[in-house]
Amino acid sequence: MKKIFIVFILMTFFSSCSDKNDDNFVVSELVSRWKWVESSGGIDGRTDTPESTGKEIVLIFSLNTYQQYVNDKLEIEMTYHLEEAESIIFGDKRLMIVYENGRKQSFDRCDGKLILYDECIDCFTSTYVRF
């Protein structure tokens, strides 16, 4: 019952966020530096934050390159592209970030935040702020 309630709350929140699929708008909104605020999900429904993990995570999206820094150390660098695909999370077609390793994330931009949804069962939703 707890998971159903959490999903309901998340879906209500996400329905108020931007869902524009204009590629130029999306790229201009995505290309930036993003600082991690929190991640929630997984089979245990936990929430992780910089305070709870001791990790400061920064994502940098350029026009076709993605970089992830953890505690100021570059951990991941790869190319990405945007592609419309069927979402496991939302059950419809959405614009997704597709990384060179095949990983897919759907996303929303809401109130200056970037919300990334890992496209798999029992995966995480992560929130970042532009800085």
N, C-alpha and C. Protein backbone atom coordinates (compact mmCIF):
# COMPACT_ATOMS: atom_id res chain seq x y z
N MET A 1 0.82 -1.19 0.00
CA MET A 1 0.00 0.00 0.00
C MET A 1 0.87 1.26 0.00
N LYS A 2 1.98 1.20 0.74
CA LYS A 2 2.89 2.35 0.82
C LYS A 2 3.43 2.70 -0.56
N LYS A 3 3.82 1.67 -1.34
CA LYS A 3 4.37 1.92 -2.68
C LYS A 3 3.31 2.54 -3.59
N ILE A 4 2.07 2.10 -3.49
CA ILE A 4 1.00 2.65 -4.32
C ILE A 4 0.81 4.12 -3.98
N PHE A 5 0.84 4.45 -2.70
CA PHE A 5 0.69 5.84 -2.28
C PHE A 5 1.84 6.69 -2.81
N ILE A 6 3.05 6.19 -2.71
CA ILE A 6 4.22 6.93 -3.20
C ILE A 6 4.12 7.15 -4.70
N VAL A 7 3.74 6.12 -5.45
CA VAL A 7 3.59 6.25 -6.91
C VAL A 7 2.53 7.29 -7.23
N PHE A 8 1.41 7.27 -6.51
CA PHE A 8 0.34 8.25 -6.73
C PHE A 8 0.84 9.67 -6.51
N ILE A 9 1.57 9.89 -5.41
CA ILE A 9 2.10 11.22 -5.10
C ILE A 9 3.08 11.66 -6.20
N LEU A 10 3.97 10.75 -6.61
CA LEU A 10 4.95 11.09 -7.65
C LEU A 10 4.27 11.42 -8.97
N MET A 11 3.27 10.66 -9.34
CA MET A 11 2.58 10.90 -10.61
C MET A 11 1.85 12.25 -10.58
N THR A 12 1.26 12.59 -9.43
CA THR A 12 0.59 13.87 -9.30
C THR A 12 1.61 15.01 -9.46
N PHE A 13 2.75 14.87 -8.81
CA PHE A 13 3.79 15.89 -8.89
C PHE A 13 4.30 16.02 -10.32
N PHE A 14 4.59 14.89 -10.96
CA PHE A 14 5.20 14.92 -12.29
C PHE A 14 4.25 15.45 -13.35
N SER A 15 2.96 15.29 -13.14
CA SER A 15 2.02 15.76 -14.14
C SER A 15 2.03 17.28 -14.25
N SER A 16 2.56 17.98 -13.23
CA SER A 16 2.61 19.43 -13.27
C SER A 16 3.90 19.96 -13.90
N CYS A 17 4.82 19.09 -14.27
CA CYS A 17 6.10 19.50 -14.82
C CYS A 17 6.02 19.64 -16.33
N SER A 18 7.04 20.26 -16.90
CA SER A 18 7.10 20.49 -18.34
C SER A 18 7.16 19.18 -19.11
N ASP A 19 6.40 19.11 -20.18
CA ASP A 19 6.42 17.91 -21.02
C ASP A 19 6.59 18.30 -22.48
N LYS A 20 7.29 19.44 -22.73
CA LYS A 20 7.51 19.87 -24.11
C LYS A 20 8.44 18.90 -24.81
N ASN A 21 8.13 18.58 -26.04
CA ASN A 21 8.97 17.66 -26.79
C ASN A 21 9.63 18.33 -27.99
N ASP A 22 9.67 19.63 -28.02
CA ASP A 22 10.39 20.35 -29.06
C ASP A 22 11.88 20.12 -28.82
N ASP A 23 12.55 19.43 -29.75
CA ASP A 23 13.95 19.04 -29.56
C ASP A 23 14.86 20.22 -29.26
N ASN A 24 14.66 21.36 -29.95
CA ASN A 24 15.52 22.52 -29.70
C ASN A 24 15.32 23.04 -28.28
N PHE A 25 14.07 23.09 -27.83
CA PHE A 25 13.79 23.54 -26.47
C PHE A 25 14.42 22.58 -25.46
N VAL A 26 14.26 21.29 -25.69
CA VAL A 26 14.78 20.28 -24.77
C VAL A 26 16.29 20.37 -24.66
N VAL A 27 16.98 20.45 -25.78
CA VAL A 27 18.45 20.51 -25.77
C VAL A 27 18.91 21.77 -25.05
N SER A 28 18.28 22.90 -25.32
CA SER A 28 18.70 24.14 -24.66
C SER A 28 18.45 24.08 -23.16
N GLU A 29 17.42 23.39 -22.74
CA GLU A 29 17.13 23.24 -21.31
C GLU A 29 18.02 22.19 -20.65
N LEU A 30 18.46 21.20 -21.38
CA LEU A 30 19.26 20.11 -20.84
C LEU A 30 20.74 20.48 -20.72
N VAL A 31 21.25 21.23 -21.71
CA VAL A 31 22.67 21.58 -21.74
C VAL A 31 22.97 22.55 -20.60
N SER A 32 23.67 22.03 -19.59
CA SER A 32 23.98 22.83 -18.42
C SER A 32 24.76 21.98 -17.42
N ARG A 33 25.05 22.59 -16.27
CA ARG A 33 25.63 21.88 -15.12
C ARG A 33 24.49 21.65 -14.13
N TRP A 34 24.39 20.43 -13.62
CA TRP A 34 23.30 20.07 -12.72
C TRP A 34 23.87 19.46 -11.45
N LYS A 35 23.44 19.95 -10.31
CA LYS A 35 23.90 19.45 -9.01
C LYS A 35 22.82 18.55 -8.41
N TRP A 36 23.24 17.38 -7.94
CA TRP A 36 22.34 16.38 -7.39
C TRP A 36 21.71 16.85 -6.08
N VAL A 37 20.39 16.63 -5.98
CA VAL A 37 19.63 16.97 -4.78
C VAL A 37 19.22 15.71 -4.03
N GLU A 38 18.65 14.75 -4.77
CA GLU A 38 18.24 13.48 -4.14
C GLU A 38 17.88 12.45 -5.20
N SER A 39 17.90 11.19 -4.77
CA SER A 39 17.44 10.07 -5.59
C SER A 39 16.55 9.21 -4.71
N SER A 40 15.48 8.70 -5.31
CA SER A 40 14.60 7.81 -4.55
C SER A 40 14.15 6.67 -5.43
N GLY A 41 13.85 5.54 -4.80
CA GLY A 41 13.36 4.38 -5.53
C GLY A 41 14.03 3.11 -5.09
N GLY A 42 14.17 2.21 -6.03
CA GLY A 42 14.72 0.89 -5.71
C GLY A 42 13.66 0.03 -5.07
N ILE A 43 13.98 -1.22 -4.89
CA ILE A 43 13.01 -2.16 -4.33
C ILE A 43 12.63 -1.79 -2.89
N ASP A 44 13.55 -1.13 -2.18
CA ASP A 44 13.26 -0.75 -0.80
C ASP A 44 12.68 0.65 -0.67
N GLY A 45 12.54 1.39 -1.77
CA GLY A 45 11.92 2.70 -1.75
C GLY A 45 12.68 3.76 -0.97
N ARG A 46 13.98 3.64 -0.91
CA ARG A 46 14.78 4.56 -0.09
C ARG A 46 15.02 5.88 -0.82
N THR A 47 15.45 6.86 -0.05
CA THR A 47 15.84 8.16 -0.58
C THR A 47 17.27 8.44 -0.16
N ASP A 48 18.11 8.77 -1.14
CA ASP A 48 19.51 9.13 -0.89
C ASP A 48 19.68 10.61 -1.20
N THR A 49 20.54 11.26 -0.41
CA THR A 49 20.86 12.67 -0.60
C THR A 49 22.36 12.85 -0.47
N PRO A 50 22.88 14.01 -0.82
CA PRO A 50 24.31 14.25 -0.59
C PRO A 50 24.67 14.10 0.90
N GLU A 51 23.79 14.52 1.76
CA GLU A 51 24.06 14.42 3.19
C GLU A 51 24.08 12.96 3.66
N SER A 52 23.18 12.14 3.15
CA SER A 52 23.11 10.75 3.62
C SER A 52 24.19 9.86 3.01
N THR A 53 24.73 10.26 1.86
CA THR A 53 25.72 9.43 1.17
C THR A 53 27.14 9.98 1.25
N GLY A 54 27.28 11.25 1.57
CA GLY A 54 28.60 11.88 1.54
C GLY A 54 29.10 12.14 0.13
N LYS A 55 28.20 12.09 -0.85
CA LYS A 55 28.58 12.29 -2.26
C LYS A 55 27.97 13.57 -2.81
N GLU A 56 28.79 14.35 -3.47
CA GLU A 56 28.33 15.50 -4.23
C GLU A 56 28.44 15.11 -5.69
N ILE A 57 27.33 15.04 -6.37
CA ILE A 57 27.31 14.60 -7.76
C ILE A 57 26.93 15.77 -8.65
N VAL A 58 27.70 15.97 -9.71
CA VAL A 58 27.43 17.01 -10.69
C VAL A 58 27.37 16.35 -12.06
N LEU A 59 26.31 16.66 -12.79
CA LEU A 59 26.17 16.21 -14.19
C LEU A 59 26.40 17.42 -15.08
N ILE A 60 27.12 17.18 -16.17
CA ILE A 60 27.32 18.22 -17.18
C ILE A 60 26.87 17.66 -18.52
N PHE A 61 25.83 18.28 -19.09
CA PHE A 61 25.36 17.92 -20.42
C PHE A 61 25.82 19.01 -21.38
N SER A 62 26.59 18.62 -22.42
CA SER A 62 26.87 19.53 -23.53
C SER A 62 25.94 19.10 -24.66
N LEU A 63 26.19 19.55 -25.88
CA LEU A 63 25.26 19.20 -26.97
C LEU A 63 25.17 17.71 -27.24
N ASN A 64 26.26 16.95 -27.03
CA ASN A 64 26.19 15.50 -27.26
C ASN A 64 27.05 14.69 -26.29
N THR A 65 27.60 15.36 -25.26
CA THR A 65 28.45 14.66 -24.30
C THR A 65 27.88 14.81 -22.90
N TYR A 66 27.99 13.73 -22.15
CA TYR A 66 27.53 13.68 -20.76
C TYR A 66 28.72 13.38 -19.87
N GLN A 67 28.86 14.14 -18.79
CA GLN A 67 29.90 13.88 -17.80
C GLN A 67 29.27 13.82 -16.42
N GLN A 68 29.77 12.88 -15.60
CA GLN A 68 29.31 12.79 -14.22
C GLN A 68 30.52 12.86 -13.30
N TYR A 69 30.50 13.83 -12.40
CA TYR A 69 31.54 14.01 -11.40
C TYR A 69 30.99 13.61 -10.04
N VAL A 70 31.75 12.84 -9.28
CA VAL A 70 31.40 12.49 -7.91
C VAL A 70 32.53 13.02 -7.02
N ASN A 71 32.16 13.92 -6.10
CA ASN A 71 33.13 14.57 -5.23
C ASN A 71 34.29 15.16 -6.03
N ASP A 72 33.94 15.89 -7.09
CA ASP A 72 34.89 16.59 -7.96
C ASP A 72 35.78 15.69 -8.81
N LYS A 73 35.50 14.40 -8.87
CA LYS A 73 36.29 13.47 -9.68
C LYS A 73 35.42 12.98 -10.85
N LEU A 74 35.95 13.12 -12.08
CA LEU A 74 35.23 12.64 -13.25
C LEU A 74 35.11 11.12 -13.19
N GLU A 75 33.86 10.62 -13.14
CA GLU A 75 33.63 9.17 -13.05
C GLU A 75 33.10 8.60 -14.36
N ILE A 76 32.32 9.39 -15.09
CA ILE A 76 31.72 8.91 -16.34
C ILE A 76 31.79 10.02 -17.37
N GLU A 77 32.17 9.66 -18.59
CA GLU A 77 32.09 10.56 -19.72
C GLU A 77 31.70 9.74 -20.93
N MET A 78 30.62 10.13 -21.59
CA MET A 78 30.16 9.40 -22.77
C MET A 78 29.24 10.29 -23.60
N THR A 79 28.97 9.85 -24.80
CA THR A 79 28.05 10.58 -25.66
C THR A 79 26.62 10.16 -25.34
N TYR A 80 25.70 10.99 -25.78
CA TYR A 80 24.28 10.69 -25.64
C TYR A 80 23.54 11.31 -26.82
N HIS A 81 22.31 10.87 -27.00
CA HIS A 81 21.42 11.54 -27.95
C HIS A 81 20.01 11.46 -27.39
N LEU A 82 19.12 12.24 -27.96
CA LEU A 82 17.72 12.21 -27.56
C LEU A 82 16.94 11.38 -28.57
N GLU A 83 16.01 10.60 -28.05
CA GLU A 83 15.24 9.69 -28.90
C GLU A 83 13.87 9.48 -28.27
N GLU A 84 12.84 9.44 -29.11
CA GLU A 84 11.51 9.13 -28.60
C GLU A 84 11.39 7.61 -28.49
N ALA A 85 10.96 7.14 -27.32
CA ALA A 85 10.85 5.70 -27.08
C ALA A 85 9.73 5.44 -26.07
N GLU A 86 9.29 4.21 -26.05
CA GLU A 86 8.24 3.79 -25.11
C GLU A 86 8.81 3.79 -23.70
N SER A 87 8.11 4.44 -22.78
CA SER A 87 8.56 4.53 -21.39
C SER A 87 8.00 3.39 -20.55
N ILE A 88 8.89 2.70 -19.86
CA ILE A 88 8.47 1.67 -18.90
C ILE A 88 7.78 2.34 -17.72
N ILE A 89 8.25 3.50 -17.33
CA ILE A 89 7.74 4.21 -16.16
C ILE A 89 6.36 4.80 -16.41
N PHE A 90 6.17 5.46 -17.55
CA PHE A 90 4.94 6.19 -17.81
C PHE A 90 3.97 5.48 -18.75
N GLY A 91 4.44 4.47 -19.49
CA GLY A 91 3.56 3.70 -20.36
C GLY A 91 3.17 4.42 -21.64
N ASP A 92 3.95 5.42 -22.05
CA ASP A 92 3.69 6.11 -23.31
C ASP A 92 5.02 6.44 -23.97
N LYS A 93 4.94 7.04 -25.16
CA LYS A 93 6.18 7.44 -25.83
C LYS A 93 6.63 8.77 -25.25
N ARG A 94 7.92 8.84 -24.97
CA ARG A 94 8.52 10.04 -24.40
C ARG A 94 9.88 10.28 -25.01
N LEU A 95 10.29 11.53 -24.97
CA LEU A 95 11.64 11.86 -25.36
C LEU A 95 12.57 11.39 -24.25
N MET A 96 13.63 10.66 -24.62
CA MET A 96 14.54 10.10 -23.63
C MET A 96 15.98 10.44 -23.98
N ILE A 97 16.78 10.43 -22.92
CA ILE A 97 18.22 10.53 -23.08
C ILE A 97 18.72 9.10 -23.26
N VAL A 98 19.43 8.84 -24.35
CA VAL A 98 19.98 7.52 -24.62
C VAL A 98 21.50 7.65 -24.64
N TYR A 99 22.15 6.99 -23.70
CA TYR A 99 23.60 7.08 -23.56
C TYR A 99 24.27 6.03 -24.45
N GLU A 100 25.55 6.23 -24.75
CA GLU A 100 26.26 5.33 -25.65
C GLU A 100 26.32 3.90 -25.13
N ASN A 101 26.16 3.68 -23.83
CA ASN A 101 26.16 2.33 -23.27
C ASN A 101 24.78 1.67 -23.32
N GLY A 102 23.78 2.36 -23.90
CA GLY A 102 22.44 1.81 -24.05
C GLY A 102 21.47 2.20 -22.95
N ARG A 103 21.95 2.78 -21.87
CA ARG A 103 21.08 3.21 -20.77
C ARG A 103 20.14 4.29 -21.26
N LYS A 104 18.87 4.23 -20.80
CA LYS A 104 17.88 5.23 -21.17
C LYS A 104 17.29 5.87 -19.92
N GLN A 105 17.05 7.17 -20.03
CA GLN A 105 16.38 7.90 -18.96
C GLN A 105 15.34 8.83 -19.58
N SER A 106 14.12 8.74 -19.06
CA SER A 106 13.14 9.77 -19.41
C SER A 106 13.37 10.92 -18.43
N PHE A 107 12.80 12.07 -18.73
CA PHE A 107 13.10 13.24 -17.91
C PHE A 107 12.01 14.28 -17.98
N ASP A 108 12.00 15.14 -16.98
CA ASP A 108 11.14 16.32 -16.92
C ASP A 108 11.99 17.47 -16.43
N ARG A 109 11.58 18.68 -16.79
CA ARG A 109 12.16 19.88 -16.23
C ARG A 109 11.03 20.58 -15.52
N CYS A 110 11.24 20.90 -14.24
CA CYS A 110 10.16 21.46 -13.44
C CYS A 110 10.73 22.43 -12.42
N ASP A 111 10.28 23.67 -12.46
CA ASP A 111 10.72 24.68 -11.48
C ASP A 111 12.24 24.76 -11.36
N GLY A 112 12.94 24.79 -12.49
CA GLY A 112 14.39 24.90 -12.48
C GLY A 112 15.12 23.61 -12.12
N LYS A 113 14.39 22.52 -12.06
CA LYS A 113 14.99 21.23 -11.71
C LYS A 113 14.95 20.29 -12.91
N LEU A 114 15.91 19.39 -12.93
CA LEU A 114 15.93 18.30 -13.91
C LEU A 114 15.63 17.03 -13.15
N ILE A 115 14.61 16.32 -13.58
CA ILE A 115 14.22 15.07 -12.93
C ILE A 115 14.48 13.94 -13.92
N LEU A 116 15.37 13.02 -13.56
CA LEU A 116 15.74 11.90 -14.42
C LEU A 116 15.13 10.61 -13.87
N TYR A 117 14.47 9.86 -14.75
CA TYR A 117 13.84 8.60 -14.39
C TYR A 117 14.59 7.47 -15.08
N ASP A 118 15.23 6.60 -14.32
CA ASP A 118 15.86 5.42 -14.92
C ASP A 118 14.76 4.56 -15.51
N GLU A 119 14.91 4.16 -16.75
CA GLU A 119 13.88 3.38 -17.45
C GLU A 119 14.08 1.89 -17.19
N CYS A 120 13.71 1.46 -16.01
CA CYS A 120 13.72 0.06 -15.63
C CYS A 120 12.82 -0.13 -14.42
N ILE A 121 12.49 -1.35 -14.12
CA ILE A 121 11.63 -1.66 -12.97
C ILE A 121 12.44 -1.51 -11.69
N ASP A 122 11.83 -0.91 -10.66
CA ASP A 122 12.46 -0.70 -9.35
C ASP A 122 13.76 0.09 -9.44
N CYS A 123 13.82 1.03 -10.34
CA CYS A 123 15.01 1.87 -10.46
C CYS A 123 14.77 3.20 -9.78
N PHE A 124 15.67 4.13 -9.99
CA PHE A 124 15.64 5.38 -9.25
C PHE A 124 15.17 6.57 -10.07
N THR A 125 14.63 7.54 -9.37
CA THR A 125 14.31 8.85 -9.90
C THR A 125 15.23 9.82 -9.18
N SER A 126 15.94 10.64 -9.94
CA SER A 126 16.92 11.57 -9.35
C SER A 126 16.58 13.00 -9.73
N THR A 127 16.77 13.89 -8.77
CA THR A 127 16.49 15.30 -8.97
C THR A 127 17.77 16.10 -8.88
N TYR A 128 17.92 17.06 -9.82
CA TYR A 128 19.11 17.91 -9.91
C TYR A 128 18.65 19.36 -10.06
N VAL A 129 19.47 20.29 -9.60
CA VAL A 129 19.22 21.71 -9.80
C VAL A 129 20.31 22.29 -10.68
N ARG A 130 19.94 23.25 -11.51
CA ARG A 130 20.90 23.91 -12.38
C ARG A 130 21.75 24.85 -11.54
N PHE A 131 23.06 24.87 -11.86
CA PHE A 131 23.92 25.85 -11.17
C PHE A 131 25.03 26.31 -12.09
